[in-house]
């Protein structure tokens, strides 16, 4: 496979949000291109998605919810916060892949960006951000505000909690996750990058 075609194929892979469609394309690309980076992607896919009762569970989204909970519910002290942070990242084999070098870290960045895009896609649902015990729908502006709050707490908020705990590797890994979250929101276009930057300045 030529380099340009290969790069375009992997770009398409990271834009897909359906796990089964991603798995199908990953299998096709793996058959055409075998190598260490392909093996890392296959490992990360296996870490992220798990079949349960015929359905595919996205552990990447669950890891992000754990990070959000870590930010919002600060019980148990430093040891508990560190345990929660590591548990969330271990769901995606972050510690293991981190040691594989820069190429693996770029793959992790792309995967987390996809995870955050998947989360942002859920915020378009009519049930997202309902008010008054679910009786009233939120406006598009209110939905976006909540989405920014959630995304911030999953990334920068969690990183802020973990930073003072004295684990340089965890802090470095969270920096990558913050960059992925920022870029995921910016990819929505139509001034999203500027609105999110303004939001972050107020935190």
Protein backbone atom coordinates (compact mmCIF):
# COMPACT_ATOMS: atom_id res chain seq x y z
CA UNK A 1 0.00 0.00 0.00
CA UNK A 2 1.40 3.39 -1.02
CA UNK A 3 2.14 5.83 1.80
CA UNK A 4 -0.47 8.44 0.79
CA UNK A 5 -3.16 5.81 0.42
CA UNK A 6 -2.15 4.25 3.74
CA UNK A 7 -2.30 7.56 5.58
CA UNK A 8 -5.71 8.37 4.10
CA UNK A 9 -6.99 4.94 5.13
CA UNK A 10 -5.88 5.42 8.73
CA UNK A 11 -7.37 8.91 8.77
CA UNK A 12 -10.67 7.36 7.70
CA UNK A 13 -10.32 4.76 10.46
CA UNK A 14 -10.07 7.44 13.14
CA UNK A 15 -13.11 9.28 11.78
CA UNK A 16 -15.38 6.24 12.09
CA UNK A 17 -17.40 6.07 15.32
CA UNK A 18 -19.20 2.76 14.91
CA UNK A 19 -17.06 0.04 16.57
CA UNK A 20 -18.05 -2.73 14.17
CA UNK A 21 -17.29 -0.56 11.12
CA UNK A 22 -13.95 0.37 12.70
CA UNK A 23 -13.19 -3.28 13.34
CA UNK A 24 -13.95 -4.21 9.74
CA UNK A 25 -11.68 -1.49 8.35
CA UNK A 26 -8.95 -2.36 10.85
CA UNK A 27 -9.02 -5.99 9.68
CA UNK A 28 -8.77 -4.88 6.04
CA UNK A 29 -5.88 -2.50 6.73
CA UNK A 30 -4.10 -5.08 8.88
CA UNK A 31 -4.27 -7.62 6.08
CA UNK A 32 -2.71 -5.12 3.67
CA UNK A 33 -0.13 -3.68 6.04
CA UNK A 34 1.56 -5.67 8.77
CA UNK A 35 3.93 -3.91 11.14
CA UNK A 36 4.46 -2.73 14.73
CA UNK A 37 2.11 0.27 14.45
CA UNK A 38 -0.65 -1.89 13.02
CA UNK A 39 -0.20 -4.32 15.91
CA UNK A 40 -0.47 -1.44 18.38
CA UNK A 41 -3.73 -0.33 16.79
CA UNK A 42 -5.10 -3.86 16.96
CA UNK A 43 -4.15 -4.12 20.63
CA UNK A 44 -5.77 -0.78 21.41
CA UNK A 45 -8.94 -1.80 19.57
CA UNK A 46 -9.10 -5.00 21.63
CA UNK A 47 -8.60 -3.00 24.84
CA UNK A 48 -11.28 -0.49 23.97
CA UNK A 49 -14.10 -2.67 22.65
CA UNK A 50 -15.51 -5.74 24.37
CA UNK A 51 -18.44 -7.89 23.33
CA UNK A 52 -21.08 -8.38 26.03
CA UNK A 53 -24.31 -10.26 25.34
CA UNK A 54 -23.96 -9.66 21.64
CA UNK A 55 -23.35 -5.93 22.03
CA UNK A 56 -20.10 -3.99 21.83
CA UNK A 57 -19.16 -2.07 24.96
CA UNK A 58 -16.94 0.99 24.50
CA UNK A 59 -14.53 1.01 27.41
CA UNK A 60 -13.03 4.23 26.08
CA UNK A 61 -16.21 6.13 26.88
CA UNK A 62 -16.41 4.45 30.27
CA UNK A 63 -12.83 5.50 31.00
CA UNK A 64 -13.75 9.10 30.23
CA UNK A 65 -16.73 8.92 32.58
CA UNK A 66 -14.39 7.63 35.29
CA UNK A 67 -12.12 10.64 34.72
CA UNK A 68 -15.13 12.96 34.90
CA UNK A 69 -16.20 11.35 38.16
CA UNK A 70 -12.65 11.71 39.48
CA UNK A 71 -12.87 15.45 38.81
CA UNK A 72 -16.34 15.97 40.28
CA UNK A 73 -16.34 13.61 43.27
CA UNK A 74 -13.11 14.08 45.17
CA UNK A 75 -13.53 11.56 47.95
CA UNK A 76 -10.92 9.21 49.41
CA UNK A 77 -7.86 11.43 49.25
CA UNK A 78 -4.80 11.36 47.02
CA UNK A 79 -4.38 7.57 46.98
CA UNK A 80 -7.95 7.01 45.80
CA UNK A 81 -7.67 9.73 43.14
CA UNK A 82 -4.49 8.15 41.81
CA UNK A 83 -6.10 4.71 41.77
CA UNK A 84 -9.11 6.02 39.83
CA UNK A 85 -6.91 7.82 37.34
CA UNK A 86 -4.77 4.78 36.70
CA UNK A 87 -7.84 2.52 36.47
CA UNK A 88 -9.33 4.75 33.77
CA UNK A 89 -6.16 4.79 31.68
CA UNK A 90 -5.48 1.08 32.17
CA UNK A 91 -8.80 0.35 30.46
CA UNK A 92 -7.10 1.44 27.25
CA UNK A 93 -3.69 -0.06 28.03
CA UNK A 94 -2.23 3.46 28.16
CA UNK A 95 0.62 2.61 30.52
CA UNK A 96 1.69 -0.37 28.43
CA UNK A 97 1.47 1.40 25.07
CA UNK A 98 3.15 4.52 26.46
CA UNK A 99 6.37 2.59 26.87
CA UNK A 100 6.38 1.68 23.16
CA UNK A 101 7.53 5.19 22.20
CA UNK A 102 6.41 8.19 20.17
CA UNK A 103 4.56 6.25 17.47
CA UNK A 104 2.45 4.50 20.10
CA UNK A 105 1.71 7.80 21.82
CA UNK A 106 0.49 9.30 18.56
CA UNK A 107 -1.79 6.29 18.13
CA UNK A 108 -3.10 6.84 21.67
CA UNK A 109 -3.74 10.50 20.86
CA UNK A 110 -5.71 9.60 17.74
CA UNK A 111 -7.73 7.01 19.65
CA UNK A 112 -8.62 9.39 22.47
CA UNK A 113 -9.59 12.04 19.94
CA UNK A 114 -11.96 9.48 18.41
CA UNK A 115 -13.35 8.63 21.87
CA UNK A 116 -14.07 12.27 22.62
CA UNK A 117 -15.68 12.72 19.19
CA UNK A 118 -17.89 9.72 19.97
CA UNK A 119 -18.92 11.35 23.23
CA UNK A 120 -19.64 14.66 21.53
CA UNK A 121 -21.82 12.80 19.03
CA UNK A 122 -24.02 11.61 21.92
CA UNK A 123 -24.62 15.21 22.97
CA UNK A 124 -26.65 15.75 19.79
CA UNK A 125 -29.32 13.38 21.07
CA UNK A 126 -32.66 14.99 21.95
CA UNK A 127 -32.44 13.57 25.48
CA UNK A 128 -29.05 15.10 26.25
CA UNK A 129 -29.15 17.90 28.82
CA UNK A 130 -32.90 17.79 29.47
CA UNK A 131 -34.14 20.03 32.31
CA UNK A 132 -36.97 19.93 34.83
CA UNK A 133 -36.80 16.19 35.49
CA UNK A 134 -36.45 15.49 31.78
CA UNK A 135 -39.60 17.35 30.78
CA UNK A 136 -37.94 20.23 28.93
CA UNK A 137 -35.30 20.03 26.22
CA UNK A 138 -32.21 22.20 26.40
CA UNK A 139 -31.43 24.77 23.74
CA UNK A 140 -28.50 24.07 21.38
CA UNK A 141 -26.47 26.67 23.30
CA UNK A 142 -27.22 24.99 26.64
CA UNK A 143 -26.32 21.58 25.19
CA UNK A 144 -22.99 22.91 23.95
CA UNK A 145 -22.25 24.50 27.33
CA UNK A 146 -22.85 21.20 29.09
CA UNK A 147 -20.80 19.31 26.50
CA UNK A 148 -17.88 21.67 27.10
CA UNK A 149 -18.20 21.20 30.86
CA UNK A 150 -18.23 17.41 30.50
CA UNK A 151 -15.31 17.37 28.09
CA UNK A 152 -13.29 19.70 30.30
CA UNK A 153 -13.85 17.56 33.41
CA UNK A 154 -12.94 14.38 31.51
CA UNK A 155 -9.60 15.89 30.52
CA UNK A 156 -8.28 19.13 31.99
CA UNK A 157 -10.36 18.88 35.15
CA UNK A 158 -9.15 15.36 35.89
CA UNK A 159 -5.58 16.38 35.02
CA UNK A 160 -5.79 19.24 37.51
CA UNK A 161 -6.77 16.80 40.27
CA UNK A 162 -4.01 14.32 39.37
CA UNK A 163 -1.19 16.82 38.78
CA UNK A 164 -0.24 17.39 42.47
CA UNK A 165 -0.10 13.65 43.25
CA UNK A 166 3.54 13.23 42.23
CA UNK A 167 3.15 10.76 39.35
CA UNK A 168 5.00 12.29 36.37
CA UNK A 169 3.97 9.51 33.99
CA UNK A 170 0.29 9.91 34.84
CA UNK A 171 0.56 13.68 34.43
CA UNK A 172 2.27 13.30 31.05
CA UNK A 173 -0.36 10.87 29.85
CA UNK A 174 -3.11 13.25 30.94
CA UNK A 175 -1.49 16.03 28.89
CA UNK A 176 -1.96 13.90 25.78
CA UNK A 177 -5.60 13.29 26.73
CA UNK A 178 -6.17 17.03 27.22
CA UNK A 179 -4.77 17.74 23.75
CA UNK A 180 -7.04 15.06 22.25
CA UNK A 181 -10.10 16.53 23.97
CA UNK A 182 -9.29 20.08 22.84
CA UNK A 183 -8.76 18.95 19.25
CA UNK A 184 -11.92 16.81 19.26
CA UNK A 185 -14.05 19.82 20.17
CA UNK A 186 -12.22 22.05 17.69
CA UNK A 187 -12.95 19.52 14.94
CA UNK A 188 -16.66 20.36 15.23
CA UNK A 189 -15.87 23.51 13.26
CA UNK A 190 -18.02 26.64 12.97
CA UNK A 191 -15.99 28.49 15.61
CA UNK A 192 -16.00 25.60 18.12
CA UNK A 193 -12.26 25.94 18.83
CA UNK A 194 -12.63 29.61 19.76
CA UNK A 195 -15.71 28.99 21.95
CA UNK A 196 -14.00 26.17 23.81
CA UNK A 197 -10.88 28.25 24.33
CA UNK A 198 -13.00 31.04 25.83
CA UNK A 199 -14.73 28.50 28.04
CA UNK A 200 -11.39 27.15 29.29
CA UNK A 201 -10.16 30.62 30.18
CA UNK A 202 -13.02 30.97 32.67
CA UNK A 203 -12.23 27.75 34.52
